[in-house]
Amino acid sequence: LTPSPEWMNLGPSWVFQQSRGPKPEEVNSFVGWCDANFLQLNVGKTQELVIDFRKKKQTFSPVVIKGQPVEIVETYKYLGVYLDDKLNWKRNSDAVVKKAQSRLFFLRKLRSFDISRRLLNVFYQGIMASVLFYAVLCWGRSLTAEDKNRINKMIKKSGSVVGQSLDSVGGVNLRQLCLWRITPFTRFLRISGALLVDEC
C-alpha cells in the first residue's frame, strides 16, 4: 500500500487510490454505469472506509451519491474479515477469538463424552480451525504480538482438549503462503507425519 490513503467503498465494491479521495465525476460515472445496467445503489447501506497511514490526521468529506452522503466508518466487515482504517487487524482478532471461545465450549463438551482423540481432532479441524484460520493469508503476517498470543492461546487450549499439539497461527500462515506460491513441479516431502514444502 502507498502512504496516501486508500479509498474503499465496499457497499457496492470499488476502490480509489488517490490522496484526496474520489473525484465527483468518478463517482457520477460509477452511478451512471449502475443506472445503465439496471443496478440500484442503496446509499443507506453503503459505507466508506478510508485507510490512511499518515501521522497527521486529515478530515475527509464523505462521498455523495445522488445527494446523499455516504457514511464513513472505521471498521468494515467484508467477506467475513474485519478491515479497519489502520489495517492492524485488532477488530478481526477480537472476532476470531470470540468465535473460537464459543466453539471451544462444544469441544470440551465432546471430550466429556469420552470421544476418541481422532474425532476430537476432526471436530477441531472442521469447526474451530476453519474459524481460527479463515483468510489467514490476509491478516496472519500483520498481527500484533498481543493478538497473535491471544489466538495462539486459544489454539493451545484446544490442543489440550484434543490431546495433541496443534499448529500455531504463524505456522499455518507460513504453510498456506508456501502452498499458495507452489508450482506444479514443487516436490512434497512427508517427514514424520508433517507436510514439508521444498523451496516454497
C-alpha atoms as a PDB file:
ATOM      1  CA  LEU A   1       0.000   0.000   0.000  1.00  0.00           C
ATOM      2  CA  THR A   2       1.097   3.518  -0.649  1.00  0.00           C
ATOM      3  CA  PRO A   3       1.416   6.097   2.164  1.00  0.00           C
ATOM      4  CA  SER A   4      -1.521   8.005   0.679  1.00  0.00           C
ATOM      5  CA  PRO A   5      -4.963   6.920   1.821  1.00  0.00           C
ATOM      6  CA  GLU A   6      -6.733   4.128   0.024  1.00  0.00           C
ATOM      7  CA  TRP A   7     -10.376   4.884  -0.636  1.00  0.00           C
ATOM      8  CA  MET A   8     -12.584   1.860  -0.410  1.00  0.00           C
ATOM      9  CA  ASN A   9     -16.315   1.874  -0.695  1.00  0.00           C
ATOM     10  CA  LEU A  10     -17.475  -1.672  -0.263  1.00  0.00           C
ATOM     11  CA  GLY A  11     -21.266  -1.258  -0.322  1.00  0.00           C
ATOM     12  CA  PRO A  12     -21.053  -1.750  -3.958  1.00  0.00           C
ATOM     13  CA  SER A  13     -17.316  -2.513  -4.001  1.00  0.00           C
ATOM     14  CA  TRP A  14     -14.997  -0.024  -5.578  1.00  0.00           C
ATOM     15  CA  VAL A  15     -11.552   1.273  -4.714  1.00  0.00           C
ATOM     16  CA  PHE A  16      -9.900   4.642  -5.294  1.00  0.00           C
ATOM     17  CA  GLN A  17      -6.174   5.064  -4.718  1.00  0.00           C
ATOM     18  CA  GLN A  18      -5.813   8.801  -4.520  1.00  0.00           C
ATOM     19  CA  SER A  19      -4.510  11.208  -1.927  1.00  0.00           C
ATOM     20  CA  ARG A  20      -7.656  13.359  -1.901  1.00  0.00           C
ATOM     21  CA  GLY A  21     -10.388  10.820  -2.349  1.00  0.00           C
ATOM     22  CA  PRO A  22     -12.580  10.043  -5.320  1.00  0.00           C
ATOM     23  CA  LYS A  23     -13.449  12.855  -7.689  1.00  0.00           C
ATOM     24  CA  PRO A  24     -17.154  13.642  -8.106  1.00  0.00           C
ATOM     25  CA  GLU A  25     -17.008  12.794 -11.816  1.00  0.00           C
ATOM     26  CA  GLU A  26     -15.661   9.298 -10.991  1.00  0.00           C
ATOM     27  CA  VAL A  27     -18.489   8.716  -8.526  1.00  0.00           C
ATOM     28  CA  ASN A  28     -21.039  10.045 -11.021  1.00  0.00           C
ATOM     29  CA  SER A  29     -19.562   7.785 -13.705  1.00  0.00           C
ATOM     30  CA  PHE A  30     -19.963   4.780 -11.421  1.00  0.00           C
ATOM     31  CA  VAL A  31     -23.525   5.757 -10.507  1.00  0.00           C
ATOM     32  CA  GLY A  32     -24.305   6.243 -14.206  1.00  0.00           C
ATOM     33  CA  TRP A  33     -22.899   2.821 -15.023  1.00  0.00           C
ATOM     34  CA  CYS A  34     -25.080   1.253 -12.300  1.00  0.00           C
ATOM     35  CA  ASP A  35     -28.172   3.020 -13.638  1.00  0.00           C
ATOM     36  CA  ALA A  36     -27.380   1.966 -17.221  1.00  0.00           C
ATOM     37  CA  ASN A  37     -27.032  -1.663 -16.091  1.00  0.00           C
ATOM     38  CA  PHE A  38     -30.225  -1.647 -14.005  1.00  0.00           C
ATOM     39  CA  LEU A  39     -28.372  -1.793 -10.687  1.00  0.00           C
ATOM     40  CA  GLN A  40     -29.860   0.205  -7.840  1.00  0.00           C
ATOM     41  CA  LEU A  41     -27.463   1.662  -5.283  1.00  0.00           C
ATOM     42  CA  ASN A  42     -28.674   1.612  -1.689  1.00  0.00           C
ATOM     43  CA  VAL A  43     -26.787   4.590  -0.264  1.00  0.00           C
ATOM     44  CA  GLY A  44     -28.189   3.905   3.207  1.00  0.00           C
ATOM     45  CA  LYS A  45     -26.323   0.575   3.297  1.00  0.00           C
ATOM     46  CA  THR A  46     -23.183   1.871   1.604  1.00  0.00           C
ATOM     47  CA  GLN A  47     -20.186   2.660   3.800  1.00  0.00           C
ATOM     48  CA  GLU A  48     -16.822   4.240   3.090  1.00  0.00           C
ATOM     49  CA  LEU A  49     -13.552   3.124   4.674  1.00  0.00           C
ATOM     50  CA  VAL A  50     -10.576   5.480   4.447  1.00  0.00           C
ATOM     51  CA  ILE A  51      -7.211   3.797   5.059  1.00  0.00           C
ATOM     52  CA  ASP A  52      -4.689   6.497   5.877  1.00  0.00           C
ATOM     53  CA  PHE A  53      -1.235   5.726   7.316  1.00  0.00           C
ATOM     54  CA  ARG A  54      -0.119   9.335   7.677  1.00  0.00           C
ATOM     55  CA  LYS A  55       0.703  10.507  11.200  1.00  0.00           C
ATOM     56  CA  LYS A  56      -1.076  13.813  10.723  1.00  0.00           C
ATOM     57  CA  LYS A  57      -4.786  13.112  10.693  1.00  0.00           C
ATOM     58  CA  GLN A  58      -6.825  14.688   7.948  1.00  0.00           C
ATOM     59  CA  THR A  59     -10.558  15.080   7.730  1.00  0.00           C
ATOM     60  CA  PHE A  60     -12.189  13.995   4.507  1.00  0.00           C
ATOM     61  CA  SER A  61     -15.577  14.937   3.219  1.00  0.00           C
ATOM     62  CA  PRO A  62     -17.775  11.914   2.534  1.00  0.00           C
ATOM     63  CA  VAL A  63     -18.640  10.705  -0.935  1.00  0.00           C
ATOM     64  CA  VAL A  64     -22.041  11.990  -2.088  1.00  0.00           C
ATOM     65  CA  ILE A  65     -24.251   9.725  -4.198  1.00  0.00           C
ATOM     66  CA  LYS A  66     -27.463  11.200  -5.593  1.00  0.00           C
ATOM     67  CA  GLY A  67     -27.419  13.943  -2.974  1.00  0.00           C
ATOM     68  CA  GLN A  68     -26.904  11.549  -0.044  1.00  0.00           C
ATOM     69  CA  PRO A  69     -23.575  11.442   1.855  1.00  0.00           C
ATOM     70  CA  VAL A  70     -22.028   8.006   2.327  1.00  0.00           C
ATOM     71  CA  GLU A  71     -21.249   7.070   5.932  1.00  0.00           C
ATOM     72  CA  ILE A  72     -17.510   6.979   6.765  1.00  0.00           C
ATOM     73  CA  VAL A  73     -16.640   4.067   9.085  1.00  0.00           C
ATOM     74  CA  GLU A  74     -13.524   2.961  10.967  1.00  0.00           C
ATOM     75  CA  THR A  75     -14.139  -0.786  10.526  1.00  0.00           C
ATOM     76  CA  TYR A  76     -15.915  -2.755   7.838  1.00  0.00           C
ATOM     77  CA  LYS A  77     -16.763  -6.453   7.629  1.00  0.00           C
ATOM     78  CA  TYR A  78     -16.026  -7.744   4.142  1.00  0.00           C
ATOM     79  CA  LEU A  79     -16.439 -11.442   3.302  1.00  0.00           C
ATOM     80  CA  GLY A  80     -16.185 -12.352   6.989  1.00  0.00           C
ATOM     81  CA  VAL A  81     -12.991 -10.367   7.634  1.00  0.00           C
ATOM     82  CA  TYR A  82     -12.982  -7.107   9.583  1.00  0.00           C
ATOM     83  CA  LEU A  83     -10.948  -4.359   7.931  1.00  0.00           C
ATOM     84  CA  ASP A  84     -10.081  -1.217   9.863  1.00  0.00           C
ATOM     85  CA  ASP A  85      -8.698   2.151   8.880  1.00  0.00           C
ATOM     86  CA  LYS A  86      -5.145   1.284  10.067  1.00  0.00           C
ATOM     87  CA  LEU A  87      -5.086  -2.364   8.930  1.00  0.00           C
ATOM     88  CA  ASN A  88      -3.898  -3.518  12.359  1.00  0.00           C
ATOM     89  CA  TRP A  89      -6.461  -6.385  12.403  1.00  0.00           C
ATOM     90  CA  LYS A  90      -7.384  -5.871  16.091  1.00  0.00           C
ATOM     91  CA  ARG A  91     -11.123  -5.949  15.413  1.00  0.00           C
ATOM     92  CA  ASN A  92     -10.720  -9.069  13.276  1.00  0.00           C
ATOM     93  CA  SER A  93      -8.666 -10.774  16.006  1.00  0.00           C
ATOM     94  CA  ASP A  94     -11.360  -9.954  18.576  1.00  0.00           C
ATOM     95  CA  ALA A  95     -13.991 -11.575  16.351  1.00  0.00           C
ATOM     96  CA  VAL A  96     -11.816 -14.667  15.736  1.00  0.00           C
ATOM     97  CA  VAL A  97     -11.125 -15.191  19.447  1.00  0.00           C
ATOM     98  CA  LYS A  98     -14.787 -14.679  20.369  1.00  0.00           C
ATOM     99  CA  LYS A  99     -15.967 -17.244  17.813  1.00  0.00           C
ATOM    100  CA  ALA A 100     -13.252 -19.701  18.846  1.00  0.00           C
ATOM    101  CA  GLN A 101     -14.198 -19.411  22.536  1.00  0.00           C
ATOM    102  CA  SER A 102     -17.799 -20.386  21.850  1.00  0.00           C
ATOM    103  CA  ARG A 103     -16.650 -23.387  19.795  1.00  0.00           C
ATOM    104  CA  LEU A 104     -14.128 -24.402  22.471  1.00  0.00           C
ATOM    105  CA  PHE A 105     -17.062 -24.937  24.809  1.00  0.00           C
ATOM    106  CA  PHE A 106     -18.511 -27.547  22.427  1.00  0.00           C
ATOM    107  CA  LEU A 107     -15.107 -29.188  22.015  1.00  0.00           C
ATOM    108  CA  ARG A 108     -14.875 -29.584  25.796  1.00  0.00           C
ATOM    109  CA  LYS A 109     -18.403 -30.975  25.921  1.00  0.00           C
ATOM    110  CA  LEU A 110     -17.478 -33.575  23.301  1.00  0.00           C
ATOM    111  CA  ARG A 111     -14.447 -34.614  25.341  1.00  0.00           C
ATOM    112  CA  SER A 112     -16.668 -35.102  28.391  1.00  0.00           C
ATOM    113  CA  PHE A 113     -18.498 -37.838  26.427  1.00  0.00           C
ATOM    114  CA  ASP A 114     -15.218 -39.806  26.038  1.00  0.00           C
ATOM    115  CA  ILE A 115     -14.996 -39.183  22.301  1.00  0.00           C
ATOM    116  CA  SER A 116     -11.789 -40.506  20.692  1.00  0.00           C
ATOM    117  CA  ARG A 117      -8.908 -38.141  20.004  1.00  0.00           C
ATOM    118  CA  ARG A 118      -9.288 -38.694  16.287  1.00  0.00           C
ATOM    119  CA  LEU A 119     -12.887 -37.476  16.320  1.00  0.00           C
ATOM    120  CA  LEU A 120     -11.987 -34.554  18.586  1.00  0.00           C
ATOM    121  CA  ASN A 121      -9.319 -33.587  16.070  1.00  0.00           C
ATOM    122  CA  VAL A 122     -11.851 -33.848  13.218  1.00  0.00           C
ATOM    123  CA  PHE A 123     -14.207 -31.557  15.154  1.00  0.00           C
ATOM    124  CA  TYR A 124     -11.341 -29.110  15.832  1.00  0.00           C
ATOM    125  CA  GLN A 125     -10.258 -29.011  12.187  1.00  0.00           C
ATOM    126  CA  GLY A 126     -13.787 -28.633  10.863  1.00  0.00           C
ATOM    127  CA  ILE A 127     -15.341 -26.298  13.423  1.00  0.00           C
ATOM    128  CA  MET A 128     -12.541 -24.403  15.172  1.00  0.00           C
ATOM    129  CA  ALA A 129      -9.618 -24.275  12.742  1.00  0.00           C
ATOM    130  CA  SER A 130     -11.942 -23.046   9.994  1.00  0.00           C
ATOM    131  CA  VAL A 131     -12.713 -20.030  12.205  1.00  0.00           C
ATOM    132  CA  LEU A 132      -9.208 -19.502  13.580  1.00  0.00           C
ATOM    133  CA  PHE A 133      -7.509 -19.588  10.191  1.00  0.00           C
ATOM    134  CA  TYR A 134     -10.151 -18.129   7.882  1.00  0.00           C
ATOM    135  CA  ALA A 135      -8.389 -15.741   5.443  1.00  0.00           C
ATOM    136  CA  VAL A 136      -5.144 -16.122   7.417  1.00  0.00           C
ATOM    137  CA  LEU A 137      -3.171 -15.164   4.295  1.00  0.00           C
ATOM    138  CA  CYS A 138      -4.678 -11.676   4.545  1.00  0.00           C
ATOM    139  CA  TRP A 139      -4.065 -10.953   8.218  1.00  0.00           C
ATOM    140  CA  GLY A 140      -1.682 -13.612   9.579  1.00  0.00           C
ATOM    141  CA  ARG A 141       1.594 -11.787   8.999  1.00  0.00           C
ATOM    142  CA  SER A 142       0.307  -8.390  10.125  1.00  0.00           C
ATOM    143  CA  LEU A 143      -0.895  -9.338  13.604  1.00  0.00           C
ATOM    144  CA  THR A 144       0.463  -7.569  16.646  1.00  0.00           C
ATOM    145  CA  ALA A 145       2.274  -9.764  19.165  1.00  0.00           C
ATOM    146  CA  GLU A 146      -0.636  -9.358  21.578  1.00  0.00           C
ATOM    147  CA  ASP A 147      -3.247 -10.541  19.070  1.00  0.00           C
ATOM    148  CA  LYS A 148      -1.043 -13.398  17.901  1.00  0.00           C
ATOM    149  CA  ASN A 149      -0.624 -14.552  21.512  1.00  0.00           C
ATOM    150  CA  ARG A 150      -4.389 -14.416  22.102  1.00  0.00           C
ATOM    151  CA  ILE A 151      -5.105 -16.602  19.083  1.00  0.00           C
ATOM    152  CA  ASN A 152      -2.236 -18.976  19.888  1.00  0.00           C
ATOM    153  CA  LYS A 153      -3.573 -19.287  23.448  1.00  0.00           C
ATOM    154  CA  MET A 154      -6.917 -20.435  22.027  1.00  0.00           C
ATOM    155  CA  ILE A 155      -5.086 -22.979  19.849  1.00  0.00           C
ATOM    156  CA  LYS A 156      -3.109 -24.209  22.863  1.00  0.00           C
ATOM    157  CA  LYS A 157      -6.311 -24.635  24.910  1.00  0.00           C
ATOM    158  CA  SER A 158      -7.847 -26.557  22.008  1.00  0.00           C
ATOM    159  CA  GLY A 159      -4.743 -28.733  21.804  1.00  0.00           C
ATOM    160  CA  SER A 160      -5.013 -29.632  25.481  1.00  0.00           C
ATOM    161  CA  VAL A 161      -8.637 -30.677  24.943  1.00  0.00           C
ATOM    162  CA  VAL A 162      -7.859 -32.648  21.777  1.00  0.00           C
ATOM    163  CA  GLY A 163      -4.801 -34.193  23.426  1.00  0.00           C
ATOM    164  CA  GLN A 164      -2.197 -33.258  20.836  1.00  0.00           C
ATOM    165  CA  SER A 165      -0.060 -30.334  19.724  1.00  0.00           C
ATOM    166  CA  LEU A 166      -1.747 -28.109  17.121  1.00  0.00           C
ATOM    167  CA  ASP A 167      -0.257 -25.674  14.625  1.00  0.00           C
ATOM    168  CA  SER A 168       0.121 -22.044  15.724  1.00  0.00           C
ATOM    169  CA  VAL A 169      -1.264 -19.172  13.660  1.00  0.00           C
ATOM    170  CA  GLY A 170       2.246 -18.378  12.385  1.00  0.00           C
ATOM    171  CA  GLY A 171       2.855 -21.957  11.280  1.00  0.00           C
ATOM    172  CA  VAL A 172      -0.467 -22.217   9.456  1.00  0.00           C
ATOM    173  CA  ASN A 173       0.076 -18.843   7.787  1.00  0.00           C
ATOM    174  CA  LEU A 174       3.526 -19.883   6.569  1.00  0.00           C
ATOM    175  CA  ARG A 175       2.243 -23.209   5.252  1.00  0.00           C
ATOM    176  CA  GLN A 176      -0.679 -21.509   3.487  1.00  0.00           C
ATOM    177  CA  LEU A 177       1.713 -18.976   1.962  1.00  0.00           C
ATOM    178  CA  CYS A 178       4.016 -21.740   0.758  1.00  0.00           C
ATOM    179  CA  LEU A 179       1.141 -23.716  -0.729  1.00  0.00           C
ATOM    180  CA  TRP A 180      -0.157 -20.565  -2.405  1.00  0.00           C
ATOM    181  CA  ARG A 181       3.219 -19.972  -4.071  1.00  0.00           C
ATOM    182  CA  ILE A 182       3.692 -23.572  -5.062  1.00  0.00           C
ATOM    183  CA  THR A 183       4.268 -24.581  -8.673  1.00  0.00           C
ATOM    184  CA  PRO A 184       3.191 -27.903 -10.219  1.00  0.00           C
ATOM    185  CA  PHE A 185       6.827 -29.056 -10.174  1.00  0.00           C
ATOM    186  CA  THR A 186       7.469 -28.402  -6.484  1.00  0.00           C
ATOM    187  CA  ARG A 187       8.270 -31.565  -4.577  1.00  0.00           C
ATOM    188  CA  PHE A 188       6.408 -32.575  -1.437  1.00  0.00           C
ATOM    189  CA  LEU A 189       8.149 -34.459   1.302  1.00  0.00           C
ATOM    190  CA  ARG A 190       6.360 -36.295   4.063  1.00  0.00           C
ATOM    191  CA  ILE A 191       8.617 -36.494   7.103  1.00  0.00           C
ATOM    192  CA  SER A 192       7.340 -37.877  10.410  1.00  0.00           C
ATOM    193  CA  GLY A 193       3.742 -37.116   9.518  1.00  0.00           C
ATOM    194  CA  ALA A 194       4.327 -33.433   8.735  1.00  0.00           C
ATOM    195  CA  LEU A 195       3.940 -31.992   5.248  1.00  0.00           C
ATOM    196  CA  LEU A 196       7.010 -30.036   4.225  1.00  0.00           C
ATOM    197  CA  VAL A 197       7.188 -27.958   1.076  1.00  0.00           C
ATOM    198  CA  ASP A 198      10.582 -27.885  -0.622  1.00  0.00           C
ATOM    199  CA  GLU A 199      11.659 -24.435  -1.847  1.00  0.00           C
ATOM    200  CA  CYS A 200       8.429 -22.634  -1.045  1.00  0.00           C
END
